[in-house]
Amino acid sequence: MKKLYLALVTMALAATLATGCGNITAGNTDDATSESRVDLPAPFGSSKAARKESGVRLDDYVTPYSSNDGSTRYKLSLQGYLNDYGVREVQIFNNDDQNICFGLRFLNDTIVGLSFSRQPGISDDAYELTEVVVTTGKPDYKFTSYDALKNASSSKTKNLARWSRTFDYHNIPGDANEKYLAKGGSGNEYFPFLLDYKNQAFYFFNSNPLFLPLSFDSEFKKTVVPYLDLEKISLKKDPFKDADFN
């Protein structure tokens, strides 16, 4: 009897650890992919997700910080920024030597993938946002992988749309506000936003610093916000298939 009790306690503890902790939602796997049940932690979620009615201003989420060389650089609260656009779930997909990827789900069921990759010019352990994917899914869609989002038209993932659109956030020149250029003894120079370490949705399962291009806000408003503004999005066809976001 004692052995049975200990076994039950061990199983309960393992189940508790597997579901994550804190303010996170439960259940994040697709029935068709048993592997994801092991690999993906539960996503960070909000039961009170709401979109800010007065609009989202980049300045409200940016704060200065001092770097090791004495220059002034800037960090961005991406979690606060996305919260005000109505994000209700953040799922980490992978964390390896080349990429760190996340999935976002918004109030109108827009689904966004973020891919951070290693880039020269930042610290050796850092990653910068280089690619964004937009698609949609049914309310009960369970995140499986970044590639499933990117290849939605062919992946046939359960409850995911049959289309997706990929945007390059690295090689497209955007509108980077000059007031956020790093300021130091050698003058102003470009240095990407540091994703604020207080944003646990992006750092709870990841210890590597993440960065965002200074053009992030203008690119996000141009490529993602049009989808967030829709009341309902088709699962079969990209509503902006013929739109040029350049």
C-alpha atoms as a PDB file:
ATOM      1  CA  MET A   1       0.000   0.000   0.000  1.00  0.00           C
ATOM      2  CA  LYS A   2       2.843   2.351   0.885  1.00  0.00           C
ATOM      3  CA  LYS A   3       4.544   1.674  -2.466  1.00  0.00           C
ATOM      4  CA  LEU A   4       1.297   2.413  -4.307  1.00  0.00           C
ATOM      5  CA  TYR A   5       0.915   5.714  -2.422  1.00  0.00           C
ATOM      6  CA  LEU A   6       4.481   6.779  -3.285  1.00  0.00           C
ATOM      7  CA  ALA A   7       3.922   5.893  -6.929  1.00  0.00           C
ATOM      8  CA  LEU A   8       0.757   7.997  -7.059  1.00  0.00           C
ATOM      9  CA  VAL A   9       2.522  10.966  -5.436  1.00  0.00           C
ATOM     10  CA  THR A  10       5.390  10.707  -7.926  1.00  0.00           C
ATOM     11  CA  MET A  11       2.969  10.634 -10.862  1.00  0.00           C
ATOM     12  CA  ALA A  12       1.081  13.656  -9.531  1.00  0.00           C
ATOM     13  CA  LEU A  13       4.311  15.635  -9.102  1.00  0.00           C
ATOM     14  CA  ALA A  14       5.445  14.775 -12.625  1.00  0.00           C
ATOM     15  CA  ALA A  15       2.093  15.903 -14.020  1.00  0.00           C
ATOM     16  CA  THR A  16       2.347  19.198 -12.116  1.00  0.00           C
ATOM     17  CA  LEU A  17       5.826  19.928 -13.469  1.00  0.00           C
ATOM     18  CA  ALA A  18       4.802  19.018 -17.011  1.00  0.00           C
ATOM     19  CA  THR A  19       1.987  21.560 -17.060  1.00  0.00           C
ATOM     20  CA  GLY A  20       4.276  24.493 -16.268  1.00  0.00           C
ATOM     21  CA  CYS A  21       3.520  27.061 -13.558  1.00  0.00           C
ATOM     22  CA  GLY A  22       2.122  30.511 -12.852  1.00  0.00           C
ATOM     23  CA  ASN A  23      -0.261  32.337 -15.190  1.00  0.00           C
ATOM     24  CA  ILE A  24      -0.232  29.876 -18.065  1.00  0.00           C
ATOM     25  CA  THR A  25      -2.928  28.009 -19.905  1.00  0.00           C
ATOM     26  CA  ALA A  26      -3.158  24.244 -19.992  1.00  0.00           C
ATOM     27  CA  GLY A  27      -3.201  21.877 -22.943  1.00  0.00           C
ATOM     28  CA  ASN A  28      -1.153  22.859 -25.961  1.00  0.00           C
ATOM     29  CA  THR A  29      -0.828  19.816 -28.184  1.00  0.00           C
ATOM     30  CA  ASP A  30      -2.425  18.571 -31.346  1.00  0.00           C
ATOM     31  CA  ASP A  31      -4.055  15.143 -31.096  1.00  0.00           C
ATOM     32  CA  ALA A  32      -2.373  14.203 -34.365  1.00  0.00           C
ATOM     33  CA  THR A  33       1.167  14.840 -33.073  1.00  0.00           C
ATOM     34  CA  SER A  34       1.979  12.944 -29.900  1.00  0.00           C
ATOM     35  CA  GLU A  35       5.592  14.154 -30.014  1.00  0.00           C
ATOM     36  CA  SER A  36       4.494  17.738 -29.278  1.00  0.00           C
ATOM     37  CA  ARG A  37       2.913  16.587 -26.027  1.00  0.00           C
ATOM     38  CA  VAL A  38       6.424  15.895 -24.765  1.00  0.00           C
ATOM     39  CA  ASP A  39       8.354  18.749 -26.371  1.00  0.00           C
ATOM     40  CA  LEU A  40       6.149  21.805 -25.811  1.00  0.00           C
ATOM     41  CA  PRO A  41       5.628  23.409 -22.408  1.00  0.00           C
ATOM     42  CA  ALA A  42       2.244  24.918 -21.668  1.00  0.00           C
ATOM     43  CA  PRO A  43       1.837  28.392 -23.237  1.00  0.00           C
ATOM     44  CA  PHE A  44       1.649  31.638 -21.309  1.00  0.00           C
ATOM     45  CA  GLY A  45      -1.908  32.902 -21.611  1.00  0.00           C
ATOM     46  CA  SER A  46      -4.267  35.602 -20.429  1.00  0.00           C
ATOM     47  CA  SER A  47      -7.932  35.093 -19.589  1.00  0.00           C
ATOM     48  CA  LYS A  48      -8.371  38.889 -19.592  1.00  0.00           C
ATOM     49  CA  ALA A  49      -6.877  39.635 -23.003  1.00  0.00           C
ATOM     50  CA  ALA A  50      -8.170  42.900 -24.460  1.00  0.00           C
ATOM     51  CA  ARG A  51      -7.123  45.231 -27.235  1.00  0.00           C
ATOM     52  CA  LYS A  52      -6.232  48.800 -26.308  1.00  0.00           C
ATOM     53  CA  GLU A  53      -8.851  51.059 -27.870  1.00  0.00           C
ATOM     54  CA  SER A  54      -6.748  54.228 -28.001  1.00  0.00           C
ATOM     55  CA  GLY A  55      -4.065  52.705 -30.212  1.00  0.00           C
ATOM     56  CA  VAL A  56      -0.582  51.398 -29.516  1.00  0.00           C
ATOM     57  CA  ARG A  57       2.316  53.878 -29.336  1.00  0.00           C
ATOM     58  CA  LEU A  58       5.852  52.482 -29.422  1.00  0.00           C
ATOM     59  CA  ASP A  59       7.120  55.113 -26.975  1.00  0.00           C
ATOM     60  CA  ASP A  60       4.925  53.641 -24.223  1.00  0.00           C
ATOM     61  CA  TYR A  61       6.890  50.370 -24.249  1.00  0.00           C
ATOM     62  CA  VAL A  62      10.486  51.592 -24.692  1.00  0.00           C
ATOM     63  CA  THR A  63      12.891  52.476 -21.871  1.00  0.00           C
ATOM     64  CA  PRO A  64      16.620  53.363 -21.951  1.00  0.00           C
ATOM     65  CA  TYR A  65      19.364  51.321 -20.307  1.00  0.00           C
ATOM     66  CA  SER A  66      23.143  51.668 -19.989  1.00  0.00           C
ATOM     67  CA  SER A  67      25.313  49.109 -21.781  1.00  0.00           C
ATOM     68  CA  ASN A  68      28.705  47.868 -20.590  1.00  0.00           C
ATOM     69  CA  ASP A  69      30.510  50.343 -22.856  1.00  0.00           C
ATOM     70  CA  GLY A  70      28.654  53.257 -21.273  1.00  0.00           C
ATOM     71  CA  SER A  71      26.375  53.972 -24.228  1.00  0.00           C
ATOM     72  CA  THR A  72      22.623  54.425 -23.854  1.00  0.00           C
ATOM     73  CA  ARG A  73      20.547  51.754 -25.564  1.00  0.00           C
ATOM     74  CA  TYR A  74      16.853  50.874 -25.490  1.00  0.00           C
ATOM     75  CA  LYS A  75      14.766  47.918 -24.409  1.00  0.00           C
ATOM     76  CA  LEU A  76      11.241  47.104 -25.519  1.00  0.00           C
ATOM     77  CA  SER A  77       8.477  45.478 -23.470  1.00  0.00           C
ATOM     78  CA  LEU A  78       7.224  43.218 -26.244  1.00  0.00           C
ATOM     79  CA  GLN A  79       4.819  41.489 -23.882  1.00  0.00           C
ATOM     80  CA  GLY A  80       3.148  44.784 -22.975  1.00  0.00           C
ATOM     81  CA  TYR A  81       3.103  45.837 -26.637  1.00  0.00           C
ATOM     82  CA  LEU A  82       1.435  42.593 -27.726  1.00  0.00           C
ATOM     83  CA  ASN A  83      -0.968  42.609 -24.772  1.00  0.00           C
ATOM     84  CA  ASP A  84      -2.363  45.917 -25.991  1.00  0.00           C
ATOM     85  CA  TYR A  85      -2.929  44.376 -29.423  1.00  0.00           C
ATOM     86  CA  GLY A  86      -4.976  41.622 -27.777  1.00  0.00           C
ATOM     87  CA  VAL A  87      -2.556  38.695 -27.608  1.00  0.00           C
ATOM     88  CA  ARG A  88      -4.009  35.934 -25.485  1.00  0.00           C
ATOM     89  CA  GLU A  89      -1.405  33.194 -25.772  1.00  0.00           C
ATOM     90  CA  VAL A  90       2.382  32.953 -26.210  1.00  0.00           C
ATOM     91  CA  GLN A  91       3.892  29.543 -26.974  1.00  0.00           C
ATOM     92  CA  ILE A  92       7.622  28.795 -27.193  1.00  0.00           C
ATOM     93  CA  PHE A  93       8.398  26.209 -29.885  1.00  0.00           C
ATOM     94  CA  ASN A  94      12.125  25.609 -29.710  1.00  0.00           C
ATOM     95  CA  ASN A  95      15.338  26.939 -28.224  1.00  0.00           C
ATOM     96  CA  ASP A  96      18.515  25.793 -29.978  1.00  0.00           C
ATOM     97  CA  ASP A  97      21.849  27.046 -31.312  1.00  0.00           C
ATOM     98  CA  GLN A  98      20.320  28.573 -34.444  1.00  0.00           C
ATOM     99  CA  ASN A  99      16.765  29.732 -33.713  1.00  0.00           C
ATOM    100  CA  ILE A 100      14.292  30.489 -30.963  1.00  0.00           C
ATOM    101  CA  CYS A 101      10.691  30.484 -32.175  1.00  0.00           C
ATOM    102  CA  PHE A 102       7.364  31.472 -30.639  1.00  0.00           C
ATOM    103  CA  GLY A 103       3.692  31.282 -31.575  1.00  0.00           C
ATOM    104  CA  LEU A 104       1.186  34.030 -30.703  1.00  0.00           C
ATOM    105  CA  ARG A 105      -2.596  33.810 -30.703  1.00  0.00           C
ATOM    106  CA  PHE A 106      -4.735  36.981 -30.727  1.00  0.00           C
ATOM    107  CA  LEU A 107      -8.351  37.713 -29.821  1.00  0.00           C
ATOM    108  CA  ASN A 108      -9.648  37.396 -33.393  1.00  0.00           C
ATOM    109  CA  ASP A 109      -7.733  34.092 -33.830  1.00  0.00           C
ATOM    110  CA  THR A 110      -4.930  35.630 -35.855  1.00  0.00           C
ATOM    111  CA  ILE A 111      -1.897  33.403 -35.279  1.00  0.00           C
ATOM    112  CA  VAL A 112       1.611  34.839 -35.578  1.00  0.00           C
ATOM    113  CA  GLY A 113       4.955  33.043 -35.563  1.00  0.00           C
ATOM    114  CA  LEU A 114       8.145  34.811 -34.462  1.00  0.00           C
ATOM    115  CA  SER A 115      11.567  33.454 -35.435  1.00  0.00           C
ATOM    116  CA  PHE A 116      14.675  34.820 -33.697  1.00  0.00           C
ATOM    117  CA  SER A 117      18.054  33.817 -35.120  1.00  0.00           C
ATOM    118  CA  ARG A 118      21.699  34.471 -34.384  1.00  0.00           C
ATOM    119  CA  GLN A 119      22.999  37.638 -36.020  1.00  0.00           C
ATOM    120  CA  PRO A 120      26.518  39.121 -36.192  1.00  0.00           C
ATOM    121  CA  GLY A 121      27.084  42.347 -34.294  1.00  0.00           C
ATOM    122  CA  ILE A 122      25.252  41.294 -31.138  1.00  0.00           C
ATOM    123  CA  SER A 123      26.576  39.198 -28.233  1.00  0.00           C
ATOM    124  CA  ASP A 124      27.407  35.557 -28.949  1.00  0.00           C
ATOM    125  CA  ASP A 125      24.435  34.193 -27.017  1.00  0.00           C
ATOM    126  CA  ALA A 126      21.854  36.628 -28.435  1.00  0.00           C
ATOM    127  CA  TYR A 127      19.115  36.194 -31.042  1.00  0.00           C
ATOM    128  CA  GLU A 128      17.322  38.832 -33.142  1.00  0.00           C
ATOM    129  CA  LEU A 129      13.857  38.691 -34.704  1.00  0.00           C
ATOM    130  CA  THR A 130      14.344  38.007 -38.412  1.00  0.00           C
ATOM    131  CA  GLU A 131      11.084  36.448 -39.625  1.00  0.00           C
ATOM    132  CA  VAL A 132       7.362  36.705 -38.887  1.00  0.00           C
ATOM    133  CA  VAL A 133       4.608  34.374 -40.099  1.00  0.00           C
ATOM    134  CA  VAL A 134       0.890  35.203 -40.122  1.00  0.00           C
ATOM    135  CA  THR A 135      -1.948  32.688 -40.388  1.00  0.00           C
ATOM    136  CA  THR A 136      -5.109  31.790 -38.471  1.00  0.00           C
ATOM    137  CA  GLY A 137      -6.834  28.780 -36.962  1.00  0.00           C
ATOM    138  CA  LYS A 138      -9.955  27.576 -35.244  1.00  0.00           C
ATOM    139  CA  PRO A 139     -10.373  28.541 -31.557  1.00  0.00           C
ATOM    140  CA  ASP A 140      -9.395  25.018 -30.482  1.00  0.00           C
ATOM    141  CA  TYR A 141      -6.216  24.880 -32.617  1.00  0.00           C
ATOM    142  CA  LYS A 142      -3.311  23.508 -30.563  1.00  0.00           C
ATOM    143  CA  PHE A 143       0.194  24.823 -31.290  1.00  0.00           C
ATOM    144  CA  THR A 144       2.582  22.187 -32.656  1.00  0.00           C
ATOM    145  CA  SER A 145       5.586  23.856 -34.339  1.00  0.00           C
ATOM    146  CA  TYR A 146       6.805  27.003 -36.069  1.00  0.00           C
ATOM    147  CA  ASP A 147       7.179  25.084 -39.338  1.00  0.00           C
ATOM    148  CA  ALA A 148       3.520  24.058 -39.152  1.00  0.00           C
ATOM    149  CA  LEU A 149       2.566  27.750 -39.132  1.00  0.00           C
ATOM    150  CA  LYS A 150       4.994  28.674 -41.897  1.00  0.00           C
ATOM    151  CA  ASN A 151       3.878  25.776 -44.090  1.00  0.00           C
ATOM    152  CA  ALA A 152       0.180  25.933 -43.211  1.00  0.00           C
ATOM    153  CA  SER A 153      -0.866  25.623 -46.852  1.00  0.00           C
ATOM    154  CA  SER A 154       0.712  22.161 -47.060  1.00  0.00           C
ATOM    155  CA  SER A 155       1.125  20.956 -43.463  1.00  0.00           C
ATOM    156  CA  LYS A 156      -2.549  19.996 -43.030  1.00  0.00           C
ATOM    157  CA  THR A 157      -2.283  20.593 -39.302  1.00  0.00           C
ATOM    158  CA  LYS A 158      -5.495  19.979 -37.401  1.00  0.00           C
ATOM    159  CA  ASN A 159      -7.651  23.137 -37.013  1.00  0.00           C
ATOM    160  CA  LEU A 160      -5.023  25.358 -38.682  1.00  0.00           C
ATOM    161  CA  ALA A 161      -5.786  27.500 -41.750  1.00  0.00           C
ATOM    162  CA  ARG A 162      -4.741  26.360 -45.216  1.00  0.00           C
ATOM    163  CA  TRP A 163      -2.694  29.499 -45.848  1.00  0.00           C
ATOM    164  CA  SER A 164       0.101  31.530 -44.271  1.00  0.00           C
ATOM    165  CA  ARG A 165       2.223  34.528 -45.150  1.00  0.00           C
ATOM    166  CA  THR A 166       5.895  34.995 -44.265  1.00  0.00           C
ATOM    167  CA  PHE A 167       7.556  38.375 -43.746  1.00  0.00           C
ATOM    168  CA  ASP A 168      11.281  39.112 -43.642  1.00  0.00           C
ATOM    169  CA  TYR A 169      11.983  41.421 -40.690  1.00  0.00           C
ATOM    170  CA  HIS A 170      15.739  41.437 -41.226  1.00  0.00           C
ATOM    171  CA  ASN A 171      16.420  42.451 -44.817  1.00  0.00           C
ATOM    172  CA  ILE A 172      13.530  44.883 -45.311  1.00  0.00           C
ATOM    173  CA  PRO A 173      14.481  48.494 -44.531  1.00  0.00           C
ATOM    174  CA  GLY A 174      11.922  49.862 -42.103  1.00  0.00           C
ATOM    175  CA  ASP A 175      11.151  53.139 -40.420  1.00  0.00           C
ATOM    176  CA  ALA A 176      13.605  53.117 -37.499  1.00  0.00           C
ATOM    177  CA  ASN A 177      13.104  56.180 -35.297  1.00  0.00           C
ATOM    178  CA  GLU A 178      16.458  57.937 -34.930  1.00  0.00           C
ATOM    179  CA  LYS A 179      15.798  58.781 -31.287  1.00  0.00           C
ATOM    180  CA  TYR A 180      16.292  55.089 -30.467  1.00  0.00           C
ATOM    181  CA  LEU A 181      19.774  54.894 -31.976  1.00  0.00           C
ATOM    182  CA  ALA A 182      22.379  53.934 -29.370  1.00  0.00           C
ATOM    183  CA  LYS A 183      24.041  57.038 -27.942  1.00  0.00           C
ATOM    184  CA  GLY A 184      27.692  56.929 -26.884  1.00  0.00           C
ATOM    185  CA  GLY A 185      31.085  58.589 -27.106  1.00  0.00           C
ATOM    186  CA  SER A 186      31.433  57.704 -30.794  1.00  0.00           C
ATOM    187  CA  GLY A 187      28.079  59.250 -31.666  1.00  0.00           C
ATOM    188  CA  ASN A 188      24.762  57.620 -32.512  1.00  0.00           C
ATOM    189  CA  GLU A 189      24.744  54.136 -33.993  1.00  0.00           C
ATOM    190  CA  TYR A 190      22.220  51.442 -34.803  1.00  0.00           C
ATOM    191  CA  PHE A 191      21.631  48.808 -32.125  1.00  0.00           C
ATOM    192  CA  PRO A 192      18.436  46.721 -31.935  1.00  0.00           C
ATOM    193  CA  PHE A 193      15.917  46.852 -29.098  1.00  0.00           C
ATOM    194  CA  LEU A 194      16.618  44.465 -26.244  1.00  0.00           C
ATOM    195  CA  LEU A 195      13.476  42.491 -25.459  1.00  0.00           C
ATOM    196  CA  ASP A 196      12.895  43.370 -21.791  1.00  0.00           C
ATOM    197  CA  TYR A 197      14.004  40.575 -19.441  1.00  0.00           C
ATOM    198  CA  LYS A 198      10.864  41.162 -17.353  1.00  0.00           C
ATOM    199  CA  ASN A 199       8.789  39.678 -20.191  1.00  0.00           C
ATOM    200  CA  GLN A 200       8.492  36.171 -18.749  1.00  0.00           C
ATOM    201  CA  ALA A 201       6.413  34.874 -21.656  1.00  0.00           C
ATOM    202  CA  PHE A 202       9.641  35.059 -23.703  1.00  0.00           C
ATOM    203  CA  TYR A 203      12.231  34.277 -21.020  1.00  0.00           C
ATOM    204  CA  PHE A 204      10.648  31.732 -18.668  1.00  0.00           C
ATOM    205  CA  PHE A 205      11.811  28.824 -20.854  1.00  0.00           C
ATOM    206  CA  ASN A 206      14.670  30.746 -22.493  1.00  0.00           C
ATOM    207  CA  SER A 207      17.790  32.300 -20.942  1.00  0.00           C
ATOM    208  CA  ASN A 208      19.245  33.857 -24.113  1.00  0.00           C
ATOM    209  CA  PRO A 209      18.838  37.608 -24.709  1.00  0.00           C
ATOM    210  CA  LEU A 210      16.403  38.445 -27.516  1.00  0.00           C
ATOM    211  CA  PHE A 211      16.508  41.537 -29.718  1.00  0.00           C
ATOM    212  CA  LEU A 212      14.091  43.282 -32.080  1.00  0.00           C
ATOM    213  CA  PRO A 213      15.008  45.483 -35.060  1.00  0.00           C
ATOM    214  CA  LEU A 214      14.467  49.216 -34.531  1.00  0.00           C
ATOM    215  CA  SER A 215      11.968  49.040 -37.401  1.00  0.00           C
ATOM    216  CA  PHE A 216       9.871  46.448 -35.543  1.00  0.00           C
ATOM    217  CA  ASP A 217       6.947  48.755 -34.757  1.00  0.00           C
ATOM    218  CA  SER A 218       6.561  50.051 -38.308  1.00  0.00           C
ATOM    219  CA  GLU A 219       6.878  46.550 -39.774  1.00  0.00           C
ATOM    220  CA  PHE A 220       4.411  45.048 -37.290  1.00  0.00           C
ATOM    221  CA  LYS A 221       1.835  47.749 -37.995  1.00  0.00           C
ATOM    222  CA  LYS A 222       2.297  47.197 -41.716  1.00  0.00           C
ATOM    223  CA  THR A 223       2.318  43.398 -41.889  1.00  0.00           C
ATOM    224  CA  VAL A 224       0.427  42.079 -38.840  1.00  0.00           C
ATOM    225  CA  VAL A 225      -2.003  44.750 -37.634  1.00  0.00           C
ATOM    226  CA  PRO A 226      -4.145  44.600 -40.824  1.00  0.00           C
ATOM    227  CA  TYR A 227      -5.004  41.013 -39.840  1.00  0.00           C
ATOM    228  CA  LEU A 228      -5.679  42.013 -36.222  1.00  0.00           C
ATOM    229  CA  ASP A 229      -8.135  44.646 -37.446  1.00  0.00           C
ATOM    230  CA  LEU A 230     -10.360  42.016 -39.071  1.00  0.00           C
ATOM    231  CA  GLU A 231     -13.389  40.731 -37.193  1.00  0.00           C
ATOM    232  CA  LYS A 232     -13.183  37.303 -38.815  1.00  0.00           C
ATOM    233  CA  ILE A 233     -10.464  35.664 -40.893  1.00  0.00           C
ATOM    234  CA  SER A 234     -10.948  32.979 -43.527  1.00  0.00           C
ATOM    235  CA  LEU A 235      -9.391  29.583 -42.892  1.00  0.00           C
ATOM    236  CA  LYS A 236      -9.165  28.917 -46.627  1.00  0.00           C
ATOM    237  CA  LYS A 237      -7.747  32.107 -48.143  1.00  0.00           C
ATOM    238  CA  ASP A 238      -5.383  34.878 -47.076  1.00  0.00           C
ATOM    239  CA  PRO A 239      -7.610  38.001 -46.919  1.00  0.00           C
ATOM    240  CA  PHE A 240      -4.630  40.101 -48.045  1.00  0.00           C
ATOM    241  CA  LYS A 241      -3.309  37.682 -50.644  1.00  0.00           C
ATOM    242  CA  ASP A 242      -3.019  40.384 -53.295  1.00  0.00           C
ATOM    243  CA  ALA A 243      -1.875  43.171 -50.967  1.00  0.00           C
ATOM    244  CA  ASP A 244       1.653  44.557 -51.208  1.00  0.00           C
ATOM    245  CA  PHE A 245       2.917  45.366 -47.715  1.00  0.00           C
ATOM    246  CA  ASN A 246       6.247  46.803 -48.895  1.00  0.00           C
END
